[in-house]
Amino acid sequence: MADISVSACTGFGLANVLPRQGIAPDAVGAALGFAVVSGPVTSRGRDIALLGTGPNQWLAYADAAAPDWAEALGARLASVAGVVDQSSAYALWRITGADARRLLQKGLPVDLAAIAPDAVVVSAIAHLGVIVHHAAPDIFQVFVFRSFAINFREWLDASIAAL
């Protein structure tokens, strides 16, 4: 039997963060109070993580978020970046266990063995766009557009059964 656990997450906050033209990651970091890196990695603050989804662009993520979370983040970043709430646009699964990497590798065209914790991968699984966050050893978070959540879950269940 595979060592894997899958849980659907709710109550999280997610928002696109796009710096204004000419604004560097350190200005975003100064507004948030922690160092921010541009690239496919995670920058962490006390209550928020910025997941690098492209050059100088991030998804801000919080495990638990109030309904006005994105507006409050937007106010903090008003002088340096635009913020767009994506909390209801995505479904999120937390996949944990010794076989989590092996499971995701069945569909992800990226070598997960070469990816360290805090890495972020924007790719596809089963022809569905995904954002995979390697949160910690043996812990992955997978974000999928909510409209494709059922399709992703079907792939996930079939792939777990095949392990």
C-alpha atoms as a PDB file:
ATOM      1  CA  MET A   1       0.000   0.000   0.000  1.00  0.00           C
ATOM      2  CA  ALA A   2       1.244   3.476  -0.876  1.00  0.00           C
ATOM      3  CA  ASP A   3       2.338   5.869   1.869  1.00  0.00           C
ATOM      4  CA  ILE A   4       0.255   8.824   0.771  1.00  0.00           C
ATOM      5  CA  SER A   5      -2.370  11.140   2.185  1.00  0.00           C
ATOM      6  CA  VAL A   6      -4.468  13.583   0.179  1.00  0.00           C
ATOM      7  CA  SER A   7      -6.575  16.333   1.674  1.00  0.00           C
ATOM      8  CA  ALA A   8      -8.601  19.033   0.000  1.00  0.00           C
ATOM      9  CA  CYS A   9      -7.894  22.391   1.628  1.00  0.00           C
ATOM     10  CA  THR A  10     -10.386  25.136   2.352  1.00  0.00           C
ATOM     11  CA  GLY A  11     -10.241  28.575   3.954  1.00  0.00           C
ATOM     12  CA  PHE A  12      -6.918  29.481   2.336  1.00  0.00           C
ATOM     13  CA  GLY A  13      -6.087  32.852   0.798  1.00  0.00           C
ATOM     14  CA  LEU A  14      -4.563  33.159  -2.654  1.00  0.00           C
ATOM     15  CA  ALA A  15      -3.851  36.300  -4.672  1.00  0.00           C
ATOM     16  CA  ASN A  16      -1.800  37.299  -7.701  1.00  0.00           C
ATOM     17  CA  VAL A  17       0.882  39.851  -6.864  1.00  0.00           C
ATOM     18  CA  LEU A  18       2.208  41.782  -9.867  1.00  0.00           C
ATOM     19  CA  PRO A  19       4.704  44.583  -9.184  1.00  0.00           C
ATOM     20  CA  ARG A  20       4.241  47.899 -10.919  1.00  0.00           C
ATOM     21  CA  GLN A  21       6.605  48.598 -13.801  1.00  0.00           C
ATOM     22  CA  GLY A  22      10.185  49.085 -12.632  1.00  0.00           C
ATOM     23  CA  ILE A  23       9.538  47.738  -9.123  1.00  0.00           C
ATOM     24  CA  ALA A  24      12.067  45.142  -7.939  1.00  0.00           C
ATOM     25  CA  PRO A  25      11.375  42.210  -5.588  1.00  0.00           C
ATOM     26  CA  ASP A  26      13.154  44.010  -2.708  1.00  0.00           C
ATOM     27  CA  ALA A  27      10.552  46.793  -2.821  1.00  0.00           C
ATOM     28  CA  VAL A  28       7.770  44.189  -2.564  1.00  0.00           C
ATOM     29  CA  GLY A  29       9.693  42.573   0.290  1.00  0.00           C
ATOM     30  CA  ALA A  30      10.148  45.907   2.071  1.00  0.00           C
ATOM     31  CA  ALA A  31       6.389  46.521   1.912  1.00  0.00           C
ATOM     32  CA  LEU A  32       5.707  43.056   3.335  1.00  0.00           C
ATOM     33  CA  GLY A  33       8.547  42.944   5.861  1.00  0.00           C
ATOM     34  CA  PHE A  34      10.500  39.964   4.511  1.00  0.00           C
ATOM     35  CA  ALA A  35      12.930  39.143   1.714  1.00  0.00           C
ATOM     36  CA  VAL A  36      11.266  38.371  -1.621  1.00  0.00           C
ATOM     37  CA  VAL A  37      12.999  36.450  -4.418  1.00  0.00           C
ATOM     38  CA  SER A  38      12.031  36.478  -8.087  1.00  0.00           C
ATOM     39  CA  GLY A  39      11.923  32.974  -9.525  1.00  0.00           C
ATOM     40  CA  PRO A  40      10.267  29.591  -8.979  1.00  0.00           C
ATOM     41  CA  VAL A  41      10.785  29.529  -5.219  1.00  0.00           C
ATOM     42  CA  THR A  42       8.880  30.421  -2.071  1.00  0.00           C
ATOM     43  CA  SER A  43       9.536  33.608  -0.118  1.00  0.00           C
ATOM     44  CA  ARG A  44       8.113  33.354   3.419  1.00  0.00           C
ATOM     45  CA  GLY A  45       6.869  35.916   5.868  1.00  0.00           C
ATOM     46  CA  ARG A  46       5.211  35.403   9.232  1.00  0.00           C
ATOM     47  CA  ASP A  47       1.657  34.920   7.930  1.00  0.00           C
ATOM     48  CA  ILE A  48       2.093  34.752   4.157  1.00  0.00           C
ATOM     49  CA  ALA A  49       4.155  32.984   1.506  1.00  0.00           C
ATOM     50  CA  LEU A  50       4.848  34.298  -1.973  1.00  0.00           C
ATOM     51  CA  LEU A  51       5.032  31.454  -4.491  1.00  0.00           C
ATOM     52  CA  GLY A  52       7.121  32.475  -7.490  1.00  0.00           C
ATOM     53  CA  THR A  53       5.095  31.718 -10.626  1.00  0.00           C
ATOM     54  CA  GLY A  54       7.185  33.648 -13.136  1.00  0.00           C
ATOM     55  CA  PRO A  55       9.787  36.388 -13.369  1.00  0.00           C
ATOM     56  CA  ASN A  56       8.810  39.038 -10.826  1.00  0.00           C
ATOM     57  CA  GLN A  57       5.332  37.621 -10.222  1.00  0.00           C
ATOM     58  CA  TRP A  58       3.908  35.637  -7.346  1.00  0.00           C
ATOM     59  CA  LEU A  59       0.883  33.970  -5.858  1.00  0.00           C
ATOM     60  CA  ALA A  60       0.481  35.169  -2.287  1.00  0.00           C
ATOM     61  CA  TYR A  61      -0.692  32.272  -0.114  1.00  0.00           C
ATOM     62  CA  ALA A  62      -2.013  32.048   3.436  1.00  0.00           C
ATOM     63  CA  ASP A  63      -3.209  28.812   5.091  1.00  0.00           C
ATOM     64  CA  ALA A  64      -6.165  30.614   6.639  1.00  0.00           C
ATOM     65  CA  ALA A  65      -7.579  33.874   5.384  1.00  0.00           C
ATOM     66  CA  ALA A  66     -10.377  36.260   6.255  1.00  0.00           C
ATOM     67  CA  PRO A  67     -12.767  37.263   3.450  1.00  0.00           C
ATOM     68  CA  ASP A  68     -11.011  40.652   3.109  1.00  0.00           C
ATOM     69  CA  TRP A  69      -7.517  39.111   3.101  1.00  0.00           C
ATOM     70  CA  ALA A  70      -6.654  40.113  -0.478  1.00  0.00           C
ATOM     71  CA  GLU A  71      -7.890  43.671   0.054  1.00  0.00           C
ATOM     72  CA  ALA A  72      -5.701  44.009   3.140  1.00  0.00           C
ATOM     73  CA  LEU A  73      -2.731  42.634   1.198  1.00  0.00           C
ATOM     74  CA  GLY A  74      -3.485  45.074  -1.612  1.00  0.00           C
ATOM     75  CA  ALA A  75      -3.429  47.947   0.867  1.00  0.00           C
ATOM     76  CA  ARG A  76      -0.015  46.825   2.163  1.00  0.00           C
ATOM     77  CA  LEU A  77       1.328  46.679  -1.401  1.00  0.00           C
ATOM     78  CA  ALA A  78      -0.582  49.643  -2.891  1.00  0.00           C
ATOM     79  CA  SER A  79       2.520  51.660  -3.773  1.00  0.00           C
ATOM     80  CA  VAL A  80       4.475  48.761  -5.301  1.00  0.00           C
ATOM     81  CA  ALA A  81       2.169  46.057  -6.713  1.00  0.00           C
ATOM     82  CA  GLY A  82      -1.294  45.146  -7.866  1.00  0.00           C
ATOM     83  CA  VAL A  83      -3.098  42.382  -6.000  1.00  0.00           C
ATOM     84  CA  VAL A  84      -5.952  40.269  -7.401  1.00  0.00           C
ATOM     85  CA  ASP A  85      -7.811  37.813  -5.170  1.00  0.00           C
ATOM     86  CA  GLN A  86      -7.694  34.255  -6.552  1.00  0.00           C
ATOM     87  CA  SER A  87      -8.930  32.434  -3.444  1.00  0.00           C
ATOM     88  CA  SER A  88     -12.144  31.178  -5.026  1.00  0.00           C
ATOM     89  CA  ALA A  89     -10.578  30.545  -8.448  1.00  0.00           C
ATOM     90  CA  TYR A  90      -8.439  27.599  -7.337  1.00  0.00           C
ATOM     91  CA  ALA A  91      -8.915  24.263  -5.609  1.00  0.00           C
ATOM     92  CA  LEU A  92      -6.019  23.125  -3.427  1.00  0.00           C
ATOM     93  CA  TRP A  93      -4.868  19.660  -2.432  1.00  0.00           C
ATOM     94  CA  ARG A  94      -2.181  18.874   0.112  1.00  0.00           C
ATOM     95  CA  ILE A  95      -0.455  15.615  -0.785  1.00  0.00           C
ATOM     96  CA  THR A  96       1.821  14.137   1.855  1.00  0.00           C
ATOM     97  CA  GLY A  97       3.765  10.963   2.525  1.00  0.00           C
ATOM     98  CA  ALA A  98       6.793   9.085   1.292  1.00  0.00           C
ATOM     99  CA  ASP A  99       5.068   8.334  -2.047  1.00  0.00           C
ATOM    100  CA  ALA A 100       3.780  11.870  -2.711  1.00  0.00           C
ATOM    101  CA  ARG A 101       6.629  12.665  -5.087  1.00  0.00           C
ATOM    102  CA  ARG A 102       6.180   9.349  -6.924  1.00  0.00           C
ATOM    103  CA  LEU A 103       2.450  10.010  -7.313  1.00  0.00           C
ATOM    104  CA  LEU A 104       2.910  13.482  -8.769  1.00  0.00           C
ATOM    105  CA  GLN A 105       5.724  12.278 -11.002  1.00  0.00           C
ATOM    106  CA  LYS A 106       3.191  10.012 -12.771  1.00  0.00           C
ATOM    107  CA  GLY A 107       1.647  13.085 -14.394  1.00  0.00           C
ATOM    108  CA  LEU A 108       4.061  15.956 -14.040  1.00  0.00           C
ATOM    109  CA  PRO A 109       6.578  16.373 -16.895  1.00  0.00           C
ATOM    110  CA  VAL A 110       9.203  17.747 -14.500  1.00  0.00           C
ATOM    111  CA  ASP A 111      11.817  15.763 -12.597  1.00  0.00           C
ATOM    112  CA  LEU A 112      10.647  16.195  -9.019  1.00  0.00           C
ATOM    113  CA  ALA A 113      13.810  14.510  -7.732  1.00  0.00           C
ATOM    114  CA  ALA A 114      15.678  17.655  -8.806  1.00  0.00           C
ATOM    115  CA  ILE A 115      13.325  19.990  -6.950  1.00  0.00           C
ATOM    116  CA  ALA A 116      14.085  21.068  -3.400  1.00  0.00           C
ATOM    117  CA  PRO A 117      11.546  22.091  -0.762  1.00  0.00           C
ATOM    118  CA  ASP A 118      10.184  25.604  -1.348  1.00  0.00           C
ATOM    119  CA  ALA A 119      10.346  25.157  -5.129  1.00  0.00           C
ATOM    120  CA  VAL A 120       7.329  26.095  -7.263  1.00  0.00           C
ATOM    121  CA  VAL A 121       6.444  24.434 -10.570  1.00  0.00           C
ATOM    122  CA  VAL A 122       3.915  25.851 -13.026  1.00  0.00           C
ATOM    123  CA  SER A 123       3.073  23.027 -15.423  1.00  0.00           C
ATOM    124  CA  ALA A 124       0.352  20.525 -16.340  1.00  0.00           C
ATOM    125  CA  ILE A 125      -0.868  17.177 -15.082  1.00  0.00           C
ATOM    126  CA  ALA A 126      -3.256  15.205 -17.294  1.00  0.00           C
ATOM    127  CA  HIS A 127      -3.535  18.247 -19.596  1.00  0.00           C
ATOM    128  CA  LEU A 128      -4.709  20.397 -16.657  1.00  0.00           C
ATOM    129  CA  GLY A 129      -2.786  23.480 -15.613  1.00  0.00           C
ATOM    130  CA  VAL A 130      -1.331  23.107 -12.131  1.00  0.00           C
ATOM    131  CA  ILE A 131       0.865  24.993  -9.726  1.00  0.00           C
ATOM    132  CA  VAL A 132       2.835  22.597  -7.550  1.00  0.00           C
ATOM    133  CA  HIS A 133       4.418  23.925  -4.380  1.00  0.00           C
ATOM    134  CA  HIS A 134       6.969  21.627  -2.732  1.00  0.00           C
ATOM    135  CA  ALA A 135       6.102  22.853   0.750  1.00  0.00           C
ATOM    136  CA  ALA A 136       8.439  20.562   2.717  1.00  0.00           C
ATOM    137  CA  PRO A 137      10.023  17.125   2.371  1.00  0.00           C
ATOM    138  CA  ASP A 138       7.197  14.735   1.433  1.00  0.00           C
ATOM    139  CA  ILE A 139       4.629  17.570   1.364  1.00  0.00           C
ATOM    140  CA  PHE A 140       3.279  19.051  -1.860  1.00  0.00           C
ATOM    141  CA  GLN A 141       0.469  21.513  -2.442  1.00  0.00           C
ATOM    142  CA  VAL A 142      -1.251  21.375  -5.833  1.00  0.00           C
ATOM    143  CA  PHE A 143      -3.347  24.302  -7.032  1.00  0.00           C
ATOM    144  CA  VAL A 144      -5.778  23.672  -9.913  1.00  0.00           C
ATOM    145  CA  PHE A 145      -8.381  25.983 -11.403  1.00  0.00           C
ATOM    146  CA  ARG A 146     -11.618  25.173  -9.586  1.00  0.00           C
ATOM    147  CA  SER A 147     -13.417  24.424 -12.865  1.00  0.00           C
ATOM    148  CA  PHE A 148     -11.010  21.488 -13.401  1.00  0.00           C
ATOM    149  CA  ALA A 149     -11.035  20.236  -9.807  1.00  0.00           C
ATOM    150  CA  ILE A 150     -13.176  17.180 -10.520  1.00  0.00           C
ATOM    151  CA  ASN A 151     -10.984  16.180 -13.470  1.00  0.00           C
ATOM    152  CA  PHE A 152      -7.830  16.531 -11.377  1.00  0.00           C
ATOM    153  CA  ARG A 153      -9.355  14.542  -8.510  1.00  0.00           C
ATOM    154  CA  GLU A 154     -10.260  11.744 -10.950  1.00  0.00           C
ATOM    155  CA  TRP A 155      -6.646  11.654 -12.152  1.00  0.00           C
ATOM    156  CA  LEU A 156      -5.418  11.715  -8.572  1.00  0.00           C
ATOM    157  CA  ASP A 157      -7.659   8.809  -7.484  1.00  0.00           C
ATOM    158  CA  ALA A 158      -6.730   6.694 -10.528  1.00  0.00           C
ATOM    159  CA  SER A 159      -3.019   7.390 -10.006  1.00  0.00           C
ATOM    160  CA  ILE A 160      -3.179   6.520  -6.306  1.00  0.00           C
ATOM    161  CA  ALA A 161      -4.914   3.249  -7.178  1.00  0.00           C
ATOM    162  CA  ALA A 162      -2.144   2.481  -9.687  1.00  0.00           C
ATOM    163  CA  LEU A 163       0.564   2.914  -7.034  1.00  0.00           C
END
